[in-house]
Amino acid sequence: MLRIEMLPAEQGDALWIEYGAANKPRRFLIDGGTGASWDDGLRARIERQPADERHFELLIVTHIDADHIDGALKLLQDEELGATFGEVWFNGWRHLPDTGLEELGPVAGEELTDTIVGRDLPWNKAFGKRAVGVNPEGDLPRKELDGDLFLTVLSPTATQLAKLKPKWKTVVEKAGLVPGETREPTPPEEPPSGLEHLGAAQLPDVHALADEPLDEDGAEANGTSIVVLLEHDDRSVMLCGDAFPSVVEAAVDRLLVARDVDRLELNAFKLPHHGSAFNNSKTLLAKLACPLFLFSTNGAHTKHPHPESVARVLVTAEPGASLLFNYRTGFNEVWDEQELRDEFHYTPTYPAQGTKGLTVDL
């Protein structure tokens, strides 16, 4: 059994993953969503678990953006919940390659570091307490969790980690992550073509959108996202945080060579950066053989998923693919239009009416 719950995390990610025996599954988490989504999202999900079933084999905090780290920080600080962790993967200040700069001030990444150390949690233990990341040569890191689940790390590279170091304080403060300060919303991220909200009366030109030139994301924090290929019981899922498509594609190329295949077989692909047009490329998608494409976002502030990103999926996916959204919003409901479904032979899936969050059984 392999199940992914895209918890309601507002514009962020909070992925609850269960695997193994259906009557007694093991579980781990990737990110915790926003601070505002904590009570109704990850906290509520944990509270539904019996007190003796709140152990997680692993918590991965992919990077320091607020919509990924805030809920994870609240989780680790709330010891009354009784959640325990076999290991935590998170790249903090100490894991960034030395650039000769002075250490920067206390920010959310530092606060998460203090919490991990204060609770004496195993931190990046599988990597010898060093950074979770990818070397330029040799095999990609592949780690095993109890219960025969394997995680191959595809990102970040040392280059991406080094680029974050001088921006550490700036990036987390811009995200509203300095403890004790008022948190301001992230400014809207505009799609490169300037397209706005798409409604049912305005069907997008999918081919034109897919052909929009890729203006790749350059945000240093996003570039440090921990990306993993999850494999269990003949099932595989790629979970991309907010990673850069070129970095993920380079790692996929290495896997294709190592496995002597033309395309990487996946059961599901969680789109990078919530379906941002800046983080999804046709060349990456063309190297994947995948029927399920997961979008985790309510579109707040950033208008994700961008139509260009969804269009790139539709023109590269095999007929019969599915788009799975953990919210139904004005930015994704256009993909439920029957005319588009008929032309591109796909199925969209949304939460049941009046609900949010989505569970995907693989």
Protein backbone atom coordinates (compact mmCIF):
# COMPACT_ATOMS: atom_id res chain seq x y z
CA MET A 1 0.00 0.00 0.00
CA LEU A 2 1.21 3.49 -0.89
CA ARG A 3 -0.93 6.54 -0.19
CA ILE A 4 -0.26 10.27 -0.48
CA GLU A 5 -2.45 12.83 1.22
CA MET A 6 -2.03 16.37 -0.06
CA LEU A 7 -3.22 18.06 3.10
CA PRO A 8 -4.87 21.49 2.90
CA ALA A 9 -1.79 23.69 3.23
CA GLU A 10 -3.06 26.88 1.55
CA GLN A 11 -0.49 27.85 -1.10
CA GLY A 12 2.03 25.40 0.36
CA ASP A 13 2.89 21.73 0.69
CA ALA A 14 2.07 19.31 3.49
CA LEU A 15 2.34 15.76 2.19
CA TRP A 16 1.33 12.88 4.49
CA ILE A 17 2.59 9.57 3.07
CA GLU A 18 1.62 6.10 4.28
CA TYR A 19 3.04 2.81 3.06
CA GLY A 20 3.22 -0.86 3.94
CA ALA A 21 0.43 -2.90 5.52
CA ALA A 22 -2.96 -1.24 5.17
CA ASN A 23 -3.98 -2.21 8.71
CA LYS A 24 -0.76 -0.85 10.25
CA PRO A 25 0.98 1.49 7.83
CA ARG A 26 4.24 3.31 8.34
CA ARG A 27 4.21 7.02 7.58
CA PHE A 28 6.38 10.03 6.91
CA LEU A 29 5.90 13.73 6.14
CA ILE A 30 7.18 16.18 3.58
CA ASP A 31 6.78 19.80 4.72
CA GLY A 32 4.09 21.25 6.96
CA GLY A 33 2.29 23.94 4.96
CA THR A 34 1.80 27.51 6.10
CA GLY A 35 1.47 28.66 9.68
CA ALA A 36 -2.13 29.66 8.96
CA SER A 37 -2.97 26.18 7.64
CA TRP A 38 -1.48 24.38 10.64
CA ASP A 39 -4.61 24.02 12.80
CA ASP A 40 -6.95 22.79 10.05
CA GLY A 41 -4.26 20.97 8.09
CA LEU A 42 -1.38 19.02 9.57
CA ARG A 43 -2.33 19.43 13.22
CA ALA A 44 -5.89 18.25 12.60
CA ARG A 45 -4.60 15.24 10.65
CA ILE A 46 -2.26 14.23 13.47
CA GLU A 47 -4.99 14.61 16.07
CA ARG A 48 -7.12 12.12 14.13
CA GLN A 49 -4.40 9.52 14.71
CA PRO A 50 -4.53 7.43 17.90
CA ALA A 51 -1.91 8.62 20.37
CA ASP A 52 0.19 5.47 19.86
CA GLU A 53 0.21 5.90 16.07
CA ARG A 54 1.87 9.29 15.81
CA HIS A 55 5.31 8.08 14.84
CA PHE A 56 6.85 9.21 11.56
CA GLU A 57 9.76 7.38 9.99
CA LEU A 58 10.96 10.66 8.51
CA LEU A 59 10.17 14.36 8.29
CA ILE A 60 11.59 16.16 5.25
CA VAL A 61 11.55 19.96 5.33
CA THR A 62 12.36 20.66 1.70
CA HIS A 63 13.49 24.30 2.07
CA ILE A 64 12.98 27.48 4.08
CA ASP A 65 10.02 29.12 2.32
CA ALA A 66 7.18 29.96 4.70
CA ASP A 67 4.59 27.80 2.95
CA HIS A 68 6.76 24.71 3.55
CA ILE A 69 8.60 25.35 6.80
CA ASP A 70 6.09 27.17 9.04
CA GLY A 71 3.82 24.19 9.68
CA ALA A 72 6.82 21.90 10.17
CA LEU A 73 8.23 24.29 12.77
CA LYS A 74 4.90 24.36 14.62
CA LEU A 75 4.82 20.56 14.53
CA LEU A 76 8.24 20.14 16.07
CA GLN A 77 7.54 22.79 18.70
CA ASP A 78 4.22 21.18 19.76
CA GLU A 79 5.49 18.30 21.88
CA GLU A 80 2.02 17.84 23.45
CA LEU A 81 0.87 16.21 20.21
CA GLY A 82 3.16 13.30 21.00
CA ALA A 83 4.53 13.01 17.46
CA THR A 84 7.88 11.21 17.21
CA PHE A 85 10.34 11.04 14.33
CA GLY A 86 12.86 8.48 13.19
CA GLU A 87 14.83 11.16 11.38
CA VAL A 88 14.59 14.74 10.10
CA TRP A 89 16.03 15.86 6.76
CA PHE A 90 16.55 19.59 6.56
CA ASN A 91 19.41 21.71 5.25
CA GLY A 92 20.17 24.47 7.72
CA TRP A 93 22.86 27.13 7.85
CA ARG A 94 25.50 24.60 8.90
CA HIS A 95 24.87 22.63 5.68
CA LEU A 96 25.46 25.53 3.31
CA PRO A 97 28.93 25.50 1.70
CA ASP A 98 31.27 28.07 3.20
CA THR A 99 31.51 31.32 1.24
CA GLY A 100 33.55 33.22 3.83
CA LEU A 101 30.53 35.30 4.91
CA GLU A 102 29.66 35.94 8.52
CA GLU A 103 26.89 33.87 10.02
CA LEU A 104 23.53 35.53 9.63
CA GLY A 105 21.01 36.32 12.31
CA PRO A 106 18.21 34.26 13.88
CA VAL A 107 15.50 33.38 11.36
CA ALA A 108 13.05 30.53 10.92
CA GLY A 109 15.72 28.21 9.62
CA GLU A 110 17.73 28.94 12.74
CA GLU A 111 14.64 28.44 14.89
CA LEU A 112 13.97 25.08 13.27
CA THR A 113 17.62 24.18 13.84
CA ASP A 114 17.31 25.08 17.52
CA THR A 115 14.16 22.97 17.82
CA ILE A 116 15.72 19.92 16.15
CA VAL A 117 18.81 20.17 18.33
CA GLY A 118 16.79 20.94 21.46
CA ARG A 119 14.68 17.82 20.99
CA ASP A 120 17.78 15.76 20.13
CA LEU A 121 16.20 14.55 16.90
CA PRO A 122 18.32 12.57 14.41
CA TRP A 123 19.19 15.31 11.92
CA ASN A 124 20.32 14.27 8.43
CA LYS A 125 21.57 11.06 10.03
CA ALA A 126 21.37 9.12 6.75
CA PHE A 127 23.85 11.63 5.30
CA GLY A 128 26.32 11.53 8.16
CA LYS A 129 24.80 14.78 9.49
CA ARG A 130 25.97 16.52 6.33
CA ALA A 131 23.76 18.21 3.74
CA VAL A 132 21.00 16.31 2.00
CA GLY A 133 21.97 16.77 -1.60
CA VAL A 134 23.43 15.49 -4.85
CA ASN A 135 27.10 15.14 -5.78
CA PRO A 136 28.10 16.11 -9.33
CA GLU A 137 29.39 12.60 -10.09
CA GLY A 138 28.72 9.05 -9.03
CA ASP A 139 25.44 7.49 -8.00
CA LEU A 140 22.60 9.61 -6.71
CA PRO A 141 22.07 9.13 -2.95
CA ARG A 142 19.56 6.35 -2.26
CA LYS A 143 18.36 5.78 1.30
CA GLU A 144 16.06 3.14 2.77
CA LEU A 145 13.38 3.63 5.41
CA ASP A 146 12.08 0.79 7.55
CA GLY A 147 9.43 -1.10 5.62
CA ASP A 148 11.25 -1.31 2.26
CA LEU A 149 10.71 2.25 1.12
CA PHE A 150 13.55 3.82 -0.86
CA LEU A 151 14.22 7.50 -1.42
CA THR A 152 16.59 8.66 -4.15
CA VAL A 153 17.65 12.29 -3.74
CA LEU A 154 17.54 14.37 -6.96
CA SER A 155 18.12 17.88 -5.59
CA PRO A 156 19.72 20.14 -4.35
CA THR A 157 23.26 20.39 -5.65
CA ALA A 158 26.12 22.00 -3.77
CA THR A 159 25.89 24.88 -6.22
CA GLN A 160 22.30 25.62 -5.24
CA LEU A 161 23.12 25.41 -1.53
CA ALA A 162 26.05 27.81 -1.96
CA LYS A 163 23.86 30.33 -3.76
CA LEU A 164 21.47 30.42 -0.81
CA LYS A 165 24.09 31.23 1.82
CA PRO A 166 24.46 34.98 1.14
CA LYS A 167 20.70 35.24 0.72
CA TRP A 168 19.71 33.25 3.83
CA LYS A 169 18.65 36.17 6.00
CA THR A 170 17.16 38.19 3.13
CA VAL A 171 15.08 35.32 1.79
CA VAL A 172 13.56 34.22 5.07
CA GLU A 173 12.78 37.79 6.15
CA LYS A 174 11.09 38.47 2.81
CA ALA A 175 8.99 35.36 3.44
CA GLY A 176 7.93 36.82 6.82
CA LEU A 177 9.83 34.23 8.82
CA VAL A 178 11.64 36.33 11.43
CA PRO A 179 10.25 35.17 14.77
CA GLY A 180 8.17 37.79 16.54
CA GLU A 181 7.54 40.02 13.53
CA THR A 182 4.25 40.50 11.70
CA ARG A 183 4.07 38.18 8.71
CA GLU A 184 3.19 39.81 5.43
CA PRO A 185 1.69 37.89 2.50
CA THR A 186 4.03 36.84 -0.29
CA PRO A 187 3.67 39.23 -3.24
CA PRO A 188 1.75 37.77 -6.18
CA GLU A 189 3.88 35.89 -8.68
CA GLU A 190 2.70 36.74 -12.18
CA PRO A 191 2.79 34.13 -14.97
CA PRO A 192 5.29 35.15 -17.68
CA SER A 193 2.60 35.72 -20.30
CA GLY A 194 0.60 37.99 -18.00
CA LEU A 195 -2.43 35.69 -18.11
CA GLU A 196 -4.93 36.23 -15.36
CA HIS A 197 -7.66 34.10 -13.83
CA LEU A 198 -9.12 31.71 -16.40
CA GLY A 199 -12.83 31.05 -16.15
CA ALA A 200 -15.16 28.62 -17.89
CA ALA A 201 -16.03 31.20 -20.56
CA GLN A 202 -12.38 31.64 -21.55
CA LEU A 203 -10.86 28.36 -22.63
CA PRO A 204 -7.07 28.53 -22.84
CA ASP A 205 -5.10 27.83 -26.00
CA VAL A 206 -3.23 24.86 -24.57
CA HIS A 207 -0.67 24.51 -27.35
CA ALA A 208 0.18 28.22 -27.29
CA LEU A 209 0.56 28.14 -23.51
CA ALA A 210 2.75 25.04 -23.64
CA ASP A 211 5.01 26.76 -26.16
CA GLU A 212 5.62 29.79 -23.95
CA PRO A 213 9.39 30.09 -23.40
CA LEU A 214 10.55 28.85 -20.01
CA ASP A 215 11.83 31.64 -17.78
CA GLU A 216 13.30 29.41 -15.09
CA ASP A 217 12.88 30.25 -11.42
CA GLY A 218 15.92 31.90 -9.87
CA ALA A 219 14.87 32.15 -6.21
CA GLU A 220 17.77 30.86 -4.14
CA ALA A 221 15.55 29.22 -1.51
CA ASN A 222 13.55 27.31 -4.11
CA GLY A 223 16.77 26.07 -5.67
CA THR A 224 17.73 24.31 -2.43
CA SER A 225 14.56 22.20 -2.37
CA ILE A 226 15.09 18.58 -1.39
CA VAL A 227 13.60 16.46 -4.20
CA VAL A 228 13.09 12.72 -3.74
CA LEU A 229 12.09 9.80 -5.91
CA LEU A 230 10.04 7.54 -3.64
CA GLU A 231 9.91 3.83 -4.50
CA HIS A 232 7.93 1.17 -2.66
CA ASP A 233 6.26 -2.08 -3.66
CA ASP A 234 6.67 -1.48 -7.42
CA ARG A 235 5.30 2.06 -7.08
CA SER A 236 7.24 5.27 -7.63
CA VAL A 237 6.53 8.94 -7.04
CA MET A 238 8.64 12.06 -7.63
CA LEU A 239 8.10 14.81 -5.06
CA CYS A 240 9.69 18.08 -6.11
CA GLY A 241 9.29 20.79 -3.48
CA ASP A 242 9.89 24.09 -5.29
CA ALA A 243 12.90 22.85 -7.24
CA PHE A 244 14.33 24.16 -10.48
CA PRO A 245 13.36 22.04 -13.51
CA SER A 246 16.89 22.06 -14.93
CA VAL A 247 18.30 20.60 -11.69
CA VAL A 248 15.63 17.88 -11.54
CA GLU A 249 16.06 17.09 -15.23
CA ALA A 250 19.82 16.69 -14.82
CA ALA A 251 19.24 14.17 -12.03
CA VAL A 252 16.62 12.35 -14.11
CA ASP A 253 19.16 12.12 -16.95
CA ARG A 254 21.58 10.42 -14.57
CA LEU A 255 18.89 7.94 -13.52
CA LEU A 256 18.00 7.15 -17.13
CA VAL A 257 21.64 6.32 -17.88
CA ALA A 258 22.07 4.29 -14.69
CA ARG A 259 18.88 2.31 -15.33
CA ASP A 260 19.39 2.07 -19.11
CA VAL A 261 15.88 3.33 -19.93
CA ASP A 262 14.52 6.04 -22.22
CA ARG A 263 11.96 7.43 -19.78
CA LEU A 264 11.55 7.30 -16.02
CA GLU A 265 8.48 5.27 -15.08
CA LEU A 266 6.44 6.99 -12.36
CA ASN A 267 3.05 6.38 -10.83
CA ALA A 268 2.73 10.02 -9.80
CA PHE A 269 4.59 13.32 -10.13
CA LYS A 270 4.10 16.18 -7.66
CA LEU A 271 4.67 19.29 -9.73
CA PRO A 272 7.51 21.59 -8.62
CA HIS A 273 6.50 24.87 -6.97
CA HIS A 274 2.77 24.10 -6.99
CA GLY A 275 2.57 24.21 -10.77
CA SER A 276 4.50 27.43 -11.35
CA ALA A 277 5.29 28.19 -14.99
CA PHE A 278 8.86 28.94 -13.86
CA ASN A 279 9.46 25.44 -12.46
CA ASN A 280 8.04 23.04 -15.03
CA SER A 281 9.48 22.31 -18.47
CA LYS A 282 8.39 20.24 -21.45
CA THR A 283 11.85 18.70 -21.68
CA LEU A 284 11.62 17.39 -18.11
CA LEU A 285 8.07 16.11 -18.60
CA ALA A 286 9.03 14.35 -21.84
CA LYS A 287 11.48 12.19 -19.88
CA LEU A 288 8.75 10.90 -17.56
CA ALA A 289 6.19 8.16 -18.20
CA CYS A 290 3.54 9.11 -15.67
CA PRO A 291 -0.28 8.94 -15.45
CA LEU A 292 -0.90 11.13 -12.36
CA PHE A 293 0.12 14.76 -11.88
CA LEU A 294 -0.34 16.29 -8.41
CA PHE A 295 -0.88 19.99 -7.70
CA SER A 296 -0.73 21.20 -4.10
CA THR A 297 -1.98 24.79 -3.76
CA ASN A 298 -5.01 27.00 -3.23
CA GLY A 299 -3.55 29.63 -5.56
CA ALA A 300 -3.30 32.29 -2.85
CA HIS A 301 -0.83 35.10 -3.62
CA THR A 302 0.81 33.21 -6.52
CA LYS A 303 -2.13 32.18 -8.77
CA HIS A 304 -0.78 28.62 -8.97
CA PRO A 305 -1.03 26.46 -10.91
CA HIS A 306 -0.10 28.64 -13.84
CA PRO A 307 -1.88 27.69 -17.08
CA GLU A 308 1.45 27.35 -18.90
CA SER A 309 2.52 24.63 -16.49
CA VAL A 310 -0.69 22.64 -16.80
CA ALA A 311 -0.54 23.01 -20.59
CA ARG A 312 2.98 21.55 -20.65
CA VAL A 313 1.66 18.52 -18.80
CA LEU A 314 -1.22 18.04 -21.21
CA VAL A 315 0.87 18.20 -24.38
CA THR A 316 3.51 15.77 -23.09
CA ALA A 317 1.44 13.26 -21.08
CA GLU A 318 0.08 10.03 -22.52
CA PRO A 319 -3.71 9.88 -23.15
CA GLY A 320 -5.61 8.98 -20.01
CA ALA A 321 -3.51 11.07 -17.64
CA SER A 322 -5.07 12.61 -14.53
CA LEU A 323 -4.61 16.03 -12.95
CA LEU A 324 -5.15 15.95 -9.18
CA PHE A 325 -5.74 19.17 -7.22
CA ASN A 326 -6.02 19.44 -3.42
CA TYR A 327 -8.23 22.55 -3.74
CA ARG A 328 -10.82 23.58 -6.31
CA THR A 329 -10.15 27.22 -7.14
CA GLY A 330 -10.67 29.83 -9.80
CA PHE A 331 -7.15 29.12 -11.00
CA ASN A 332 -7.68 25.42 -11.72
CA GLU A 333 -11.39 24.88 -12.36
CA VAL A 334 -10.99 25.64 -16.08
CA TRP A 335 -9.28 22.25 -16.45
CA ASP A 336 -12.63 20.62 -15.68
CA GLU A 337 -14.10 21.91 -18.95
CA GLN A 338 -15.36 19.01 -21.05
CA GLU A 339 -14.05 20.50 -24.30
CA LEU A 340 -10.51 20.46 -22.97
CA ARG A 341 -10.92 17.00 -21.47
CA ASP A 342 -12.12 15.63 -24.79
CA GLU A 343 -9.32 17.24 -26.78
CA PHE A 344 -6.44 16.20 -24.52
CA HIS A 345 -7.89 12.96 -23.08
CA TYR A 346 -7.28 13.53 -19.40
CA THR A 347 -9.30 13.50 -16.17
CA PRO A 348 -9.19 16.22 -13.51
CA THR A 349 -9.83 15.33 -9.87
CA TYR A 350 -10.79 17.82 -7.17
CA PRO A 351 -11.79 17.48 -3.49
CA ALA A 352 -15.43 16.69 -2.81
CA GLN A 353 -17.64 19.76 -2.69
CA GLY A 354 -17.17 21.71 0.52
CA THR A 355 -13.88 19.99 1.36
CA LYS A 356 -10.18 20.59 0.74
CA GLY A 357 -7.21 18.28 0.61
CA LEU A 358 -6.94 15.14 -1.52
CA THR A 359 -5.90 11.53 -0.93
CA VAL A 360 -4.20 9.59 -3.72
CA ASP A 361 -3.97 5.80 -3.50
CA LEU A 362 -1.29 4.30 -5.73
